[in-house]
Amino acid sequence: MAGLPLSIVIPVLNEGAQLTSCLQCLQGLRQAEAELIVVDGGSMDDSVERATAQADLVISSPRGRSLQMNAGAAKARGDYLLFLHSDTRLPVGFSSHWLSDNVWGFFPVKLSGDRWAFRVIERAMSCRARISGIGTGDQTLFLRRDIFDQIGGFAAIPLMEDVEICCRLKTLCPPRVLSSPVETSARRWRQRGIVNTVLQMWWLRLAFFLGVSPARLARWYYSE
């Protein structure tokens, strides 16, 4: 399909019902202006079966978000690529027109749930991203397809691929941070604890910028 405005790439691993909900929310975009590409990293549940009826393309790749997102991008036909986590929801009324004339960028974030601490975290995350020009995967990165190809896509690293690609994109131009937030699940914050998660995220970023290898960071992060 020539001239397709947008490809939405969703990397998954054992997402099940969460993936179904995500894809249901995207069907309006799918019918109007976007293709949905689900990239499975070896799920042991029924994620692939759930995706098949609601996505334009379901493919498999080696496990790892960077590898899965690169695999999805390789199959994408859209002028823009948008990388969406299955536990994140785009703003109501979102359209590919929001991305027009932007080279790359991301969204502010809203955490699901009513706890006041989540509101503080949201503001801190959005402020940090605007100042640093570096977004995270939860903030839903988007960029022009030609720019993605120009920079060689995501680095094949097991963690911090979102930060790493933003650092490279910043050398081309500053990001566009859209005004409406995506809403992402607060399950990580609930499972690991708010204070522990905040400290963990800051430590990971600091260690990455100090030169600790993503492989070492991933071993530490996933052993928690």
N, C-alpha and C. Protein backbone atom coordinates (compact mmCIF):
# COMPACT_ATOMS: atom_id res chain seq x y z
N MET A 1 0.85 -1.20 0.00
CA MET A 1 0.00 0.00 0.00
C MET A 1 0.88 1.24 0.00
N ALA A 2 0.95 1.95 -1.08
CA ALA A 2 1.77 3.13 -1.18
C ALA A 2 1.13 4.27 -0.41
N GLY A 3 1.99 5.11 0.20
CA GLY A 3 1.49 6.30 0.86
C GLY A 3 0.79 6.06 2.18
N LEU A 4 0.99 4.90 2.81
CA LEU A 4 0.40 4.64 4.11
C LEU A 4 1.03 5.58 5.13
N PRO A 5 0.22 6.35 5.87
CA PRO A 5 0.80 7.35 6.76
C PRO A 5 1.59 6.79 7.93
N LEU A 6 1.12 5.69 8.52
CA LEU A 6 1.66 5.29 9.82
C LEU A 6 1.71 3.78 9.98
N SER A 7 2.82 3.31 10.53
CA SER A 7 2.95 1.92 10.96
C SER A 7 3.16 1.91 12.46
N ILE A 8 2.32 1.16 13.17
CA ILE A 8 2.44 1.02 14.62
C ILE A 8 3.04 -0.35 14.91
N VAL A 9 4.21 -0.36 15.52
CA VAL A 9 4.94 -1.59 15.80
C VAL A 9 4.82 -1.89 17.30
N ILE A 10 4.35 -3.10 17.61
CA ILE A 10 4.10 -3.49 19.00
C ILE A 10 4.91 -4.74 19.33
N PRO A 11 6.00 -4.62 20.09
CA PRO A 11 6.75 -5.80 20.50
C PRO A 11 6.06 -6.46 21.69
N VAL A 12 5.93 -7.78 21.67
CA VAL A 12 5.20 -8.46 22.74
C VAL A 12 5.94 -9.71 23.21
N LEU A 13 5.66 -10.06 24.45
CA LEU A 13 6.13 -11.32 25.02
C LEU A 13 5.17 -11.70 26.14
N ASN A 14 4.35 -12.70 25.87
CA ASN A 14 3.39 -13.19 26.87
C ASN A 14 2.48 -12.08 27.39
N GLU A 15 1.87 -11.33 26.48
CA GLU A 15 1.01 -10.22 26.89
C GLU A 15 -0.47 -10.58 26.96
N GLY A 16 -0.90 -11.62 26.27
CA GLY A 16 -2.25 -12.13 26.41
C GLY A 16 -3.35 -11.09 26.31
N ALA A 17 -4.17 -11.00 27.37
CA ALA A 17 -5.33 -10.11 27.38
C ALA A 17 -4.92 -8.66 27.23
N GLN A 18 -3.75 -8.30 27.75
CA GLN A 18 -3.28 -6.93 27.61
C GLN A 18 -3.14 -6.56 26.14
N LEU A 19 -2.65 -7.49 25.34
CA LEU A 19 -2.49 -7.25 23.91
C LEU A 19 -3.84 -7.11 23.22
N THR A 20 -4.79 -7.93 23.59
CA THR A 20 -6.12 -7.83 23.00
C THR A 20 -6.71 -6.45 23.23
N SER A 21 -6.62 -5.96 24.46
CA SER A 21 -7.14 -4.64 24.79
C SER A 21 -6.43 -3.55 23.99
N CYS A 22 -5.11 -3.67 23.87
CA CYS A 22 -4.33 -2.69 23.11
C CYS A 22 -4.78 -2.64 21.66
N LEU A 23 -4.90 -3.80 21.04
CA LEU A 23 -5.26 -3.85 19.62
C LEU A 23 -6.69 -3.38 19.39
N GLN A 24 -7.58 -3.67 20.30
CA GLN A 24 -8.96 -3.20 20.16
C GLN A 24 -9.01 -1.68 20.13
N CYS A 25 -8.19 -1.04 20.94
CA CYS A 25 -8.16 0.42 20.97
C CYS A 25 -7.59 1.03 19.69
N LEU A 26 -6.91 0.24 18.89
CA LEU A 26 -6.25 0.74 17.69
C LEU A 26 -7.01 0.45 16.40
N GLN A 27 -8.16 -0.20 16.50
CA GLN A 27 -8.85 -0.62 15.28
C GLN A 27 -9.35 0.56 14.45
N GLY A 28 -9.73 1.65 15.09
CA GLY A 28 -10.15 2.83 14.33
C GLY A 28 -9.01 3.38 13.49
N LEU A 29 -7.83 3.47 14.07
CA LEU A 29 -6.66 3.91 13.31
C LEU A 29 -6.33 2.93 12.20
N ARG A 30 -6.46 1.66 12.50
CA ARG A 30 -6.15 0.63 11.50
C ARG A 30 -7.05 0.78 10.28
N GLN A 31 -8.29 1.04 10.48
CA GLN A 31 -9.23 1.17 9.37
C GLN A 31 -9.02 2.44 8.57
N ALA A 32 -8.50 3.48 9.24
CA ALA A 32 -8.41 4.79 8.59
C ALA A 32 -7.05 5.10 7.98
N GLU A 33 -5.96 4.77 8.70
CA GLU A 33 -4.70 5.34 8.25
C GLU A 33 -3.45 4.61 8.71
N ALA A 34 -3.57 3.51 9.41
CA ALA A 34 -2.38 2.88 9.99
C ALA A 34 -2.41 1.38 9.81
N GLU A 35 -1.22 0.79 9.76
CA GLU A 35 -1.10 -0.66 9.84
C GLU A 35 -0.58 -1.02 11.22
N LEU A 36 -1.03 -2.16 11.71
CA LEU A 36 -0.60 -2.66 13.01
C LEU A 36 0.30 -3.87 12.81
N ILE A 37 1.50 -3.79 13.35
CA ILE A 37 2.46 -4.88 13.24
C ILE A 37 2.82 -5.36 14.64
N VAL A 38 2.51 -6.60 14.93
CA VAL A 38 2.84 -7.21 16.21
C VAL A 38 4.05 -8.11 16.01
N VAL A 39 5.05 -7.92 16.86
CA VAL A 39 6.28 -8.72 16.76
C VAL A 39 6.44 -9.52 18.05
N ASP A 40 6.31 -10.82 17.92
CA ASP A 40 6.36 -11.70 19.09
C ASP A 40 7.79 -12.19 19.33
N GLY A 41 8.18 -12.16 20.59
CA GLY A 41 9.53 -12.58 20.93
C GLY A 41 9.62 -13.96 21.55
N GLY A 42 8.64 -14.82 21.22
CA GLY A 42 8.67 -16.18 21.73
C GLY A 42 7.69 -16.43 22.85
N SER A 43 6.51 -15.86 22.75
CA SER A 43 5.50 -16.00 23.80
C SER A 43 5.12 -17.46 24.01
N MET A 44 4.88 -17.80 25.27
CA MET A 44 4.41 -19.14 25.62
C MET A 44 2.90 -19.16 25.84
N ASP A 45 2.28 -17.99 25.80
CA ASP A 45 0.82 -17.92 25.96
C ASP A 45 0.18 -17.80 24.58
N ASP A 46 -1.04 -17.26 24.54
CA ASP A 46 -1.77 -17.17 23.27
C ASP A 46 -1.67 -15.79 22.63
N SER A 47 -0.57 -15.07 22.88
CA SER A 47 -0.43 -13.72 22.32
C SER A 47 -0.52 -13.71 20.80
N VAL A 48 0.13 -14.65 20.15
CA VAL A 48 0.12 -14.68 18.68
C VAL A 48 -1.29 -14.91 18.17
N GLU A 49 -2.00 -15.84 18.76
CA GLU A 49 -3.37 -16.12 18.32
C GLU A 49 -4.27 -14.90 18.53
N ARG A 50 -4.11 -14.23 19.65
CA ARG A 50 -4.91 -13.04 19.92
C ARG A 50 -4.63 -11.93 18.91
N ALA A 51 -3.37 -11.81 18.51
CA ALA A 51 -2.98 -10.72 17.60
C ALA A 51 -3.44 -10.96 16.17
N THR A 52 -3.51 -12.20 15.77
CA THR A 52 -3.74 -12.52 14.36
C THR A 52 -5.00 -11.89 13.80
N ALA A 53 -6.07 -11.87 14.57
CA ALA A 53 -7.35 -11.35 14.07
C ALA A 53 -7.42 -9.83 14.07
N GLN A 54 -6.50 -9.18 14.79
CA GLN A 54 -6.65 -7.74 14.97
C GLN A 54 -5.47 -6.92 14.46
N ALA A 55 -4.46 -7.57 13.92
CA ALA A 55 -3.29 -6.87 13.39
C ALA A 55 -3.15 -7.16 11.91
N ASP A 56 -2.47 -6.28 11.20
CA ASP A 56 -2.24 -6.49 9.78
C ASP A 56 -1.13 -7.50 9.54
N LEU A 57 -0.20 -7.57 10.48
CA LEU A 57 0.93 -8.47 10.32
C LEU A 57 1.39 -8.92 11.70
N VAL A 58 1.59 -10.21 11.85
CA VAL A 58 2.14 -10.78 13.09
C VAL A 58 3.37 -11.58 12.70
N ILE A 59 4.51 -11.19 13.25
CA ILE A 59 5.76 -11.87 12.92
C ILE A 59 6.49 -12.26 14.20
N SER A 60 7.46 -13.13 14.05
CA SER A 60 8.29 -13.55 15.18
C SER A 60 9.71 -13.08 14.97
N SER A 61 10.40 -12.85 16.07
CA SER A 61 11.81 -12.46 16.00
C SER A 61 12.49 -12.97 17.26
N PRO A 62 13.81 -12.94 17.31
CA PRO A 62 14.48 -13.24 18.57
C PRO A 62 13.99 -12.31 19.67
N ARG A 63 14.01 -12.79 20.89
CA ARG A 63 13.50 -12.01 22.02
C ARG A 63 14.37 -10.79 22.30
N GLY A 64 13.73 -9.71 22.68
CA GLY A 64 14.43 -8.46 22.98
C GLY A 64 13.74 -7.31 22.27
N ARG A 65 13.39 -6.27 23.01
CA ARG A 65 12.61 -5.19 22.40
C ARG A 65 13.31 -4.58 21.20
N SER A 66 14.61 -4.33 21.30
CA SER A 66 15.30 -3.69 20.18
C SER A 66 15.24 -4.58 18.94
N LEU A 67 15.47 -5.88 19.12
CA LEU A 67 15.43 -6.80 17.98
C LEU A 67 14.02 -6.90 17.42
N GLN A 68 13.03 -6.96 18.29
CA GLN A 68 11.65 -7.08 17.84
C GLN A 68 11.19 -5.81 17.12
N MET A 69 11.55 -4.66 17.64
CA MET A 69 11.14 -3.41 16.99
C MET A 69 11.83 -3.23 15.64
N ASN A 70 13.08 -3.60 15.55
CA ASN A 70 13.77 -3.55 14.26
C ASN A 70 13.12 -4.50 13.25
N ALA A 71 12.73 -5.68 13.72
CA ALA A 71 12.08 -6.64 12.82
C ALA A 71 10.75 -6.10 12.32
N GLY A 72 9.99 -5.47 13.20
CA GLY A 72 8.73 -4.88 12.78
C GLY A 72 8.93 -3.73 11.81
N ALA A 73 9.91 -2.89 12.09
CA ALA A 73 10.19 -1.76 11.21
C ALA A 73 10.60 -2.23 9.82
N ALA A 74 11.31 -3.34 9.75
CA ALA A 74 11.75 -3.86 8.45
C ALA A 74 10.57 -4.25 7.57
N LYS A 75 9.45 -4.59 8.18
CA LYS A 75 8.26 -4.98 7.43
C LYS A 75 7.28 -3.82 7.23
N ALA A 76 7.53 -2.70 7.89
CA ALA A 76 6.56 -1.60 7.89
C ALA A 76 6.54 -0.85 6.56
N ARG A 77 5.37 -0.33 6.23
CA ARG A 77 5.18 0.41 4.99
C ARG A 77 4.85 1.88 5.21
N GLY A 78 4.73 2.30 6.46
CA GLY A 78 4.28 3.65 6.75
C GLY A 78 5.37 4.70 6.59
N ASP A 79 4.94 5.93 6.36
CA ASP A 79 5.87 7.06 6.31
C ASP A 79 6.43 7.37 7.69
N TYR A 80 5.62 7.10 8.71
CA TYR A 80 6.06 7.25 10.10
C TYR A 80 5.99 5.90 10.80
N LEU A 81 6.93 5.70 11.72
CA LEU A 81 6.92 4.53 12.59
C LEU A 81 6.60 4.98 14.00
N LEU A 82 5.74 4.23 14.67
CA LEU A 82 5.41 4.51 16.07
C LEU A 82 5.55 3.20 16.84
N PHE A 83 6.36 3.23 17.90
CA PHE A 83 6.66 2.02 18.66
C PHE A 83 5.89 2.05 19.97
N LEU A 84 4.95 1.11 20.09
CA LEU A 84 3.97 1.14 21.18
C LEU A 84 4.10 -0.11 22.05
N HIS A 85 4.17 0.09 23.36
CA HIS A 85 4.10 -1.05 24.28
C HIS A 85 2.66 -1.51 24.41
N SER A 86 2.47 -2.78 24.63
CA SER A 86 1.11 -3.32 24.67
C SER A 86 0.32 -2.86 25.89
N ASP A 87 1.00 -2.34 26.90
CA ASP A 87 0.29 -1.84 28.08
C ASP A 87 0.14 -0.32 28.06
N THR A 88 0.30 0.27 26.88
CA THR A 88 0.19 1.72 26.72
C THR A 88 -0.92 2.03 25.74
N ARG A 89 -1.67 3.10 26.02
CA ARG A 89 -2.78 3.50 25.16
C ARG A 89 -2.54 4.90 24.61
N LEU A 90 -2.75 5.05 23.31
CA LEU A 90 -2.61 6.36 22.68
C LEU A 90 -3.74 7.29 23.12
N PRO A 91 -3.54 8.61 23.03
CA PRO A 91 -4.59 9.54 23.43
C PRO A 91 -5.84 9.38 22.58
N VAL A 92 -6.98 9.64 23.17
CA VAL A 92 -8.24 9.63 22.43
C VAL A 92 -8.15 10.67 21.32
N GLY A 93 -8.55 10.29 20.12
CA GLY A 93 -8.51 11.21 18.99
C GLY A 93 -7.19 11.28 18.28
N PHE A 94 -6.22 10.46 18.68
CA PHE A 94 -4.92 10.49 18.02
C PHE A 94 -5.05 10.19 16.54
N SER A 95 -4.27 10.92 15.74
CA SER A 95 -4.22 10.73 14.30
C SER A 95 -2.79 10.89 13.83
N SER A 96 -2.48 10.30 12.71
CA SER A 96 -1.13 10.46 12.16
C SER A 96 -0.84 11.91 11.82
N HIS A 97 -1.88 12.74 11.69
CA HIS A 97 -1.66 14.16 11.42
C HIS A 97 -0.90 14.82 12.57
N TRP A 98 -1.02 14.26 13.76
CA TRP A 98 -0.28 14.81 14.90
C TRP A 98 1.23 14.73 14.67
N LEU A 99 1.67 13.79 13.87
CA LEU A 99 3.09 13.58 13.66
C LEU A 99 3.64 14.38 12.48
N SER A 100 2.77 14.88 11.64
CA SER A 100 3.19 15.55 10.40
C SER A 100 4.16 16.68 10.70
N ASP A 101 5.14 16.81 9.84
CA ASP A 101 6.16 17.86 9.91
C ASP A 101 7.10 17.71 11.10
N ASN A 102 7.05 16.58 11.78
CA ASN A 102 7.99 16.30 12.86
C ASN A 102 8.95 15.20 12.42
N VAL A 103 10.21 15.38 12.75
CA VAL A 103 11.21 14.36 12.42
C VAL A 103 11.10 13.18 13.37
N TRP A 104 11.03 13.49 14.66
CA TRP A 104 10.90 12.44 15.67
C TRP A 104 10.40 13.06 16.96
N GLY A 105 9.96 12.21 17.86
CA GLY A 105 9.49 12.71 19.14
C GLY A 105 8.84 11.61 19.97
N PHE A 106 8.13 12.05 20.97
CA PHE A 106 7.45 11.12 21.88
C PHE A 106 6.36 11.88 22.63
N PHE A 107 5.65 11.20 23.50
CA PHE A 107 4.51 11.76 24.22
C PHE A 107 4.85 11.98 25.69
N PRO A 108 4.14 12.89 26.36
CA PRO A 108 4.14 12.85 27.82
C PRO A 108 3.47 11.55 28.26
N VAL A 109 3.59 11.22 29.53
CA VAL A 109 3.05 9.95 30.00
C VAL A 109 2.10 10.15 31.17
N LYS A 110 1.06 9.34 31.21
CA LYS A 110 0.16 9.28 32.35
C LYS A 110 0.15 7.84 32.85
N LEU A 111 0.36 7.65 34.13
CA LEU A 111 0.33 6.31 34.71
C LEU A 111 -1.10 5.95 35.11
N SER A 112 -1.50 4.73 34.85
CA SER A 112 -2.84 4.29 35.23
C SER A 112 -2.94 4.23 36.75
N GLY A 113 -4.09 4.60 37.26
CA GLY A 113 -4.29 4.56 38.71
C GLY A 113 -4.45 5.94 39.29
N ASP A 114 -5.00 5.99 40.51
CA ASP A 114 -5.37 7.26 41.13
C ASP A 114 -4.41 7.73 42.21
N ARG A 115 -3.35 7.03 42.47
CA ARG A 115 -2.45 7.42 43.56
C ARG A 115 -1.77 8.75 43.26
N TRP A 116 -1.72 9.60 44.28
CA TRP A 116 -1.13 10.93 44.06
C TRP A 116 0.34 10.83 43.66
N ALA A 117 1.01 9.78 44.14
CA ALA A 117 2.42 9.62 43.80
C ALA A 117 2.62 9.44 42.30
N PHE A 118 1.65 8.82 41.64
CA PHE A 118 1.75 8.64 40.20
C PHE A 118 1.73 9.98 39.47
N ARG A 119 0.95 10.94 39.99
CA ARG A 119 0.89 12.26 39.36
C ARG A 119 2.24 12.96 39.47
N VAL A 120 2.90 12.79 40.61
CA VAL A 120 4.22 13.39 40.80
C VAL A 120 5.23 12.75 39.85
N ILE A 121 5.17 11.43 39.74
CA ILE A 121 6.09 10.71 38.85
C ILE A 121 5.89 11.13 37.40
N GLU A 122 4.62 11.25 36.99
CA GLU A 122 4.32 11.67 35.61
C GLU A 122 4.96 13.01 35.30
N ARG A 123 4.77 13.96 36.19
CA ARG A 123 5.31 15.30 35.96
C ARG A 123 6.83 15.27 35.91
N ALA A 124 7.42 14.49 36.80
CA ALA A 124 8.88 14.39 36.81
C ALA A 124 9.40 13.75 35.53
N MET A 125 8.73 12.70 35.07
CA MET A 125 9.16 12.03 33.84
C MET A 125 9.05 12.96 32.64
N SER A 126 7.93 13.67 32.55
CA SER A 126 7.72 14.55 31.40
C SER A 126 8.69 15.72 31.43
N CYS A 127 8.93 16.27 32.63
CA CYS A 127 9.88 17.38 32.76
C CYS A 127 11.28 16.93 32.39
N ARG A 128 11.69 15.77 32.90
CA ARG A 128 13.01 15.24 32.58
C ARG A 128 13.18 15.03 31.08
N ALA A 129 12.15 14.48 30.45
CA ALA A 129 12.23 14.19 29.02
C ALA A 129 12.33 15.47 28.19
N ARG A 130 11.56 16.49 28.58
CA ARG A 130 11.61 17.76 27.84
C ARG A 130 12.97 18.42 27.97
N ILE A 131 13.53 18.38 29.16
CA ILE A 131 14.82 19.02 29.39
C ILE A 131 15.95 18.25 28.71
N SER A 132 15.94 16.94 28.85
CA SER A 132 17.03 16.12 28.32
C SER A 132 16.89 15.80 26.84
N GLY A 133 15.64 15.86 26.34
CA GLY A 133 15.40 15.44 24.96
C GLY A 133 15.47 13.94 24.79
N ILE A 134 15.32 13.20 25.89
CA ILE A 134 15.41 11.74 25.85
C ILE A 134 14.12 11.15 26.42
N GLY A 135 13.41 10.39 25.60
CA GLY A 135 12.20 9.73 26.04
C GLY A 135 12.47 8.27 26.37
N THR A 136 11.47 7.62 26.95
CA THR A 136 11.57 6.19 27.24
C THR A 136 10.53 5.45 26.42
N GLY A 137 10.64 4.13 26.41
CA GLY A 137 9.67 3.34 25.66
C GLY A 137 8.25 3.57 26.10
N ASP A 138 8.04 3.82 27.39
CA ASP A 138 6.70 4.09 27.89
C ASP A 138 6.11 5.35 27.28
N GLN A 139 6.94 6.22 26.76
CA GLN A 139 6.47 7.48 26.18
C GLN A 139 6.19 7.38 24.68
N THR A 140 6.36 6.21 24.12
CA THR A 140 5.94 5.92 22.75
C THR A 140 6.68 6.76 21.71
N LEU A 141 7.83 6.29 21.34
CA LEU A 141 8.67 6.96 20.35
C LEU A 141 8.04 6.90 18.97
N PHE A 142 8.12 8.00 18.23
CA PHE A 142 7.73 8.01 16.82
C PHE A 142 8.81 8.73 16.02
N LEU A 143 8.94 8.37 14.76
CA LEU A 143 9.89 9.04 13.89
C LEU A 143 9.59 8.71 12.44
N ARG A 144 10.13 9.56 11.57
CA ARG A 144 9.97 9.30 10.14
C ARG A 144 10.72 8.04 9.75
N ARG A 145 10.14 7.32 8.82
CA ARG A 145 10.75 6.06 8.38
C ARG A 145 12.14 6.29 7.79
N ASP A 146 12.29 7.33 7.00
CA ASP A 146 13.58 7.56 6.37
C ASP A 146 14.66 7.89 7.40
N ILE A 147 14.27 8.54 8.48
CA ILE A 147 15.23 8.84 9.54
C ILE A 147 15.62 7.56 10.28
N PHE A 148 14.65 6.70 10.53
CA PHE A 148 14.94 5.41 11.17
C PHE A 148 15.96 4.63 10.34
N ASP A 149 15.75 4.60 9.04
CA ASP A 149 16.69 3.90 8.16
C ASP A 149 18.05 4.58 8.16
N GLN A 150 18.04 5.91 8.16
CA GLN A 150 19.29 6.67 8.11
C GLN A 150 20.19 6.38 9.31
N ILE A 151 19.59 6.25 10.50
CA ILE A 151 20.41 6.04 11.69
C ILE A 151 20.65 4.55 11.99
N GLY A 152 20.04 3.68 11.20
CA GLY A 152 20.28 2.25 11.38
C GLY A 152 19.41 1.59 12.42
N GLY A 153 18.30 2.22 12.78
CA GLY A 153 17.36 1.60 13.71
C GLY A 153 17.87 1.55 15.13
N PHE A 154 17.25 0.67 15.91
CA PHE A 154 17.65 0.49 17.30
C PHE A 154 18.95 -0.30 17.39
N ALA A 155 19.77 0.07 18.34
CA ALA A 155 20.97 -0.73 18.61
C ALA A 155 20.55 -2.09 19.16
N ALA A 156 21.27 -3.12 18.79
CA ALA A 156 20.94 -4.48 19.22
C ALA A 156 21.48 -4.71 20.63
N ILE A 157 20.84 -4.06 21.60
CA ILE A 157 21.25 -4.16 22.99
C ILE A 157 20.05 -4.62 23.82
N PRO A 158 20.28 -5.29 24.95
CA PRO A 158 19.17 -5.90 25.69
C PRO A 158 18.43 -4.95 26.63
N LEU A 159 18.91 -3.74 26.79
CA LEU A 159 18.27 -2.76 27.66
C LEU A 159 18.76 -1.38 27.26
N MET A 160 17.96 -0.36 27.55
CA MET A 160 18.31 1.04 27.28
C MET A 160 18.31 1.38 25.80
N GLU A 161 17.66 0.56 24.99
CA GLU A 161 17.59 0.85 23.55
C GLU A 161 16.84 2.14 23.27
N ASP A 162 15.87 2.48 24.12
CA ASP A 162 15.11 3.71 23.93
C ASP A 162 15.97 4.93 24.20
N VAL A 163 16.72 4.90 25.27
CA VAL A 163 17.62 6.01 25.60
C VAL A 163 18.71 6.15 24.54
N GLU A 164 19.26 5.03 24.13
CA GLU A 164 20.36 5.06 23.16
C GLU A 164 19.94 5.66 21.82
N ILE A 165 18.75 5.28 21.33
CA ILE A 165 18.34 5.82 20.03
C ILE A 165 18.00 7.30 20.14
N CYS A 166 17.44 7.72 21.28
CA CYS A 166 17.16 9.14 21.46
C CYS A 166 18.44 9.97 21.46
N CYS A 167 19.49 9.43 22.05
CA CYS A 167 20.77 10.14 22.05
C CYS A 167 21.27 10.36 20.62
N ARG A 168 21.09 9.37 19.77
CA ARG A 168 21.51 9.53 18.37
C ARG A 168 20.59 10.48 17.60
N LEU A 169 19.30 10.36 17.85
CA LEU A 169 18.36 11.23 17.16
C LEU A 169 18.55 12.69 17.54
N LYS A 170 18.95 12.95 18.76
CA LYS A 170 19.18 14.33 19.22
C LYS A 170 20.26 15.03 18.41
N THR A 171 21.19 14.25 17.86
CA THR A 171 22.25 14.87 17.07
C THR A 171 21.72 15.39 15.74
N LEU A 172 20.55 14.91 15.32
CA LEU A 172 19.93 15.38 14.09
C LEU A 172 19.07 16.61 14.34
N CYS A 173 18.25 16.55 15.38
CA CYS A 173 17.38 17.68 15.73
C CYS A 173 16.73 17.38 17.07
N PRO A 174 16.20 18.40 17.75
CA PRO A 174 15.50 18.15 19.01
C PRO A 174 14.21 17.38 18.76
N PRO A 175 13.72 16.66 19.77
CA PRO A 175 12.47 15.93 19.60
C PRO A 175 11.26 16.85 19.71
N ARG A 176 10.17 16.40 19.15
CA ARG A 176 8.88 17.05 19.39
C ARG A 176 8.17 16.26 20.48
N VAL A 177 7.86 16.93 21.58
CA VAL A 177 7.09 16.29 22.65
C VAL A 177 5.64 16.74 22.48
N LEU A 178 4.77 15.81 22.15
CA LEU A 178 3.38 16.15 21.90
C LEU A 178 2.69 16.58 23.19
N SER A 179 1.55 17.22 23.06
CA SER A 179 0.90 17.79 24.25
C SER A 179 0.02 16.79 25.00
N SER A 180 -0.61 15.87 24.29
CA SER A 180 -1.51 14.91 24.94
C SER A 180 -0.73 13.67 25.37
N PRO A 181 -0.96 13.17 26.58
CA PRO A 181 -0.18 12.04 27.06
C PRO A 181 -0.71 10.69 26.60
N VAL A 182 0.19 9.74 26.50
CA VAL A 182 -0.21 8.34 26.43
C VAL A 182 -0.44 7.87 27.87
N GLU A 183 -1.30 6.87 28.02
CA GLU A 183 -1.52 6.29 29.35
C GLU A 183 -0.89 4.90 29.38
N THR A 184 -0.02 4.70 30.34
CA THR A 184 0.68 3.42 30.44
C THR A 184 0.41 2.76 31.78
N SER A 185 0.50 1.47 31.80
CA SER A 185 0.21 0.72 33.02
C SER A 185 1.23 1.03 34.11
N ALA A 186 0.74 1.15 35.33
CA ALA A 186 1.60 1.37 36.49
C ALA A 186 1.98 0.06 37.16
N ARG A 187 1.83 -1.07 36.46
CA ARG A 187 2.06 -2.36 37.11
C ARG A 187 3.48 -2.51 37.63
N ARG A 188 4.46 -1.96 36.91
CA ARG A 188 5.85 -2.06 37.37
C ARG A 188 6.02 -1.34 38.70
N TRP A 189 5.39 -0.18 38.81
CA TRP A 189 5.50 0.62 40.03
C TRP A 189 4.81 -0.09 41.19
N ARG A 190 3.70 -0.73 40.89
CA ARG A 190 2.98 -1.45 41.95
C ARG A 190 3.74 -2.70 42.39
N GLN A 191 4.29 -3.41 41.42
CA GLN A 191 4.95 -4.68 41.73
C GLN A 191 6.27 -4.47 42.47
N ARG A 192 7.03 -3.46 42.04
CA ARG A 192 8.37 -3.27 42.60
C ARG A 192 8.42 -2.20 43.67
N GLY A 193 7.32 -1.45 43.83
CA GLY A 193 7.31 -0.37 44.80
C GLY A 193 7.72 0.94 44.15
N ILE A 194 7.05 2.02 44.53
CA ILE A 194 7.28 3.31 43.88
C ILE A 194 8.70 3.81 44.10
N VAL A 195 9.13 3.86 45.35
CA VAL A 195 10.46 4.39 45.65
C VAL A 195 11.53 3.52 45.01
N ASN A 196 11.40 2.22 45.14
CA ASN A 196 12.39 1.31 44.57
C ASN A 196 12.48 1.46 43.05
N THR A 197 11.32 1.63 42.39
CA THR A 197 11.32 1.76 40.93
C THR A 197 11.94 3.07 40.49
N VAL A 198 11.63 4.15 41.18
CA VAL A 198 12.24 5.45 40.85
C VAL A 198 13.76 5.37 40.97
N LEU A 199 14.23 4.84 42.09
CA LEU A 199 15.67 4.73 42.29
C LEU A 199 16.32 3.81 41.26
N GLN A 200 15.63 2.73 40.95
CA GLN A 200 16.15 1.78 39.97
C GLN A 200 16.29 2.42 38.60
N MET A 201 15.26 3.16 38.15
CA MET A 201 15.31 3.79 36.84
C MET A 201 16.42 4.84 36.75
N TRP A 202 16.56 5.63 37.80
CA TRP A 202 17.61 6.64 37.79
C TRP A 202 18.99 5.98 37.82
N TRP A 203 19.13 4.91 38.60
CA TRP A 203 20.42 4.23 38.66
C TRP A 203 20.78 3.64 37.31
N LEU A 204 19.83 3.03 36.64
CA LEU A 204 20.09 2.43 35.34
C LEU A 204 20.55 3.48 34.33
N ARG A 205 19.86 4.62 34.31
CA ARG A 205 20.24 5.68 33.37
C ARG A 205 21.63 6.21 33.68
N LEU A 206 21.89 6.44 34.97
CA LEU A 206 23.21 6.95 35.36
C LEU A 206 24.30 5.96 34.99
N ALA A 207 24.08 4.69 35.30
CA ALA A 207 25.08 3.67 34.97
C ALA A 207 25.32 3.59 33.47
N PHE A 208 24.24 3.70 32.70
CA PHE A 208 24.37 3.64 31.24
C PHE A 208 25.23 4.80 30.73
N PHE A 209 24.96 6.00 31.23
CA PHE A 209 25.72 7.16 30.77
C PHE A 209 27.16 7.15 31.28
N LEU A 210 27.40 6.39 32.35
CA LEU A 210 28.76 6.26 32.86
C LEU A 210 29.53 5.15 32.15
N GLY A 211 28.85 4.45 31.24
CA GLY A 211 29.53 3.47 30.42
C GLY A 211 29.34 2.01 30.80
N VAL A 212 28.46 1.72 31.76
CA VAL A 212 28.17 0.33 32.08
C VAL A 212 27.45 -0.30 30.90
N SER A 213 27.83 -1.49 30.50
CA SER A 213 27.27 -2.09 29.30
C SER A 213 25.79 -2.44 29.48
N PRO A 214 24.98 -2.28 28.43
CA PRO A 214 23.58 -2.67 28.52
C PRO A 214 23.39 -4.14 28.89
N ALA A 215 24.31 -5.01 28.47
CA ALA A 215 24.19 -6.43 28.83
C ALA A 215 24.31 -6.62 30.33
N ARG A 216 25.22 -5.91 30.94
CA ARG A 216 25.37 -6.00 32.40
C ARG A 216 24.16 -5.41 33.11
N LEU A 217 23.68 -4.29 32.62
CA LEU A 217 22.49 -3.67 33.21
C LEU A 217 21.29 -4.60 33.09
N ALA A 218 21.16 -5.27 31.95
CA ALA A 218 20.03 -6.17 31.75
C ALA A 218 20.09 -7.35 32.71
N ARG A 219 21.29 -7.88 32.93
CA ARG A 219 21.41 -9.00 33.88
C ARG A 219 20.97 -8.57 35.27
N TRP A 220 21.33 -7.38 35.65
CA TRP A 220 20.93 -6.88 36.97
C TRP A 220 19.43 -6.62 37.02
N TYR A 221 18.91 -5.95 35.99
CA TYR A 221 17.50 -5.55 35.97
C TYR A 221 16.57 -6.77 35.98
N TYR A 222 16.86 -7.74 35.14
CA TYR A 222 15.95 -8.88 35.01
C TYR A 222 16.14 -9.93 36.11
N SER A 223 17.18 -9.76 36.92
CA SER A 223 17.34 -10.66 38.06
C SER A 223 16.57 -10.18 39.28
N GLU A 224 16.08 -8.93 39.20
CA GLU A 224 15.34 -8.36 40.33
C GLU A 224 14.00 -9.03 40.50
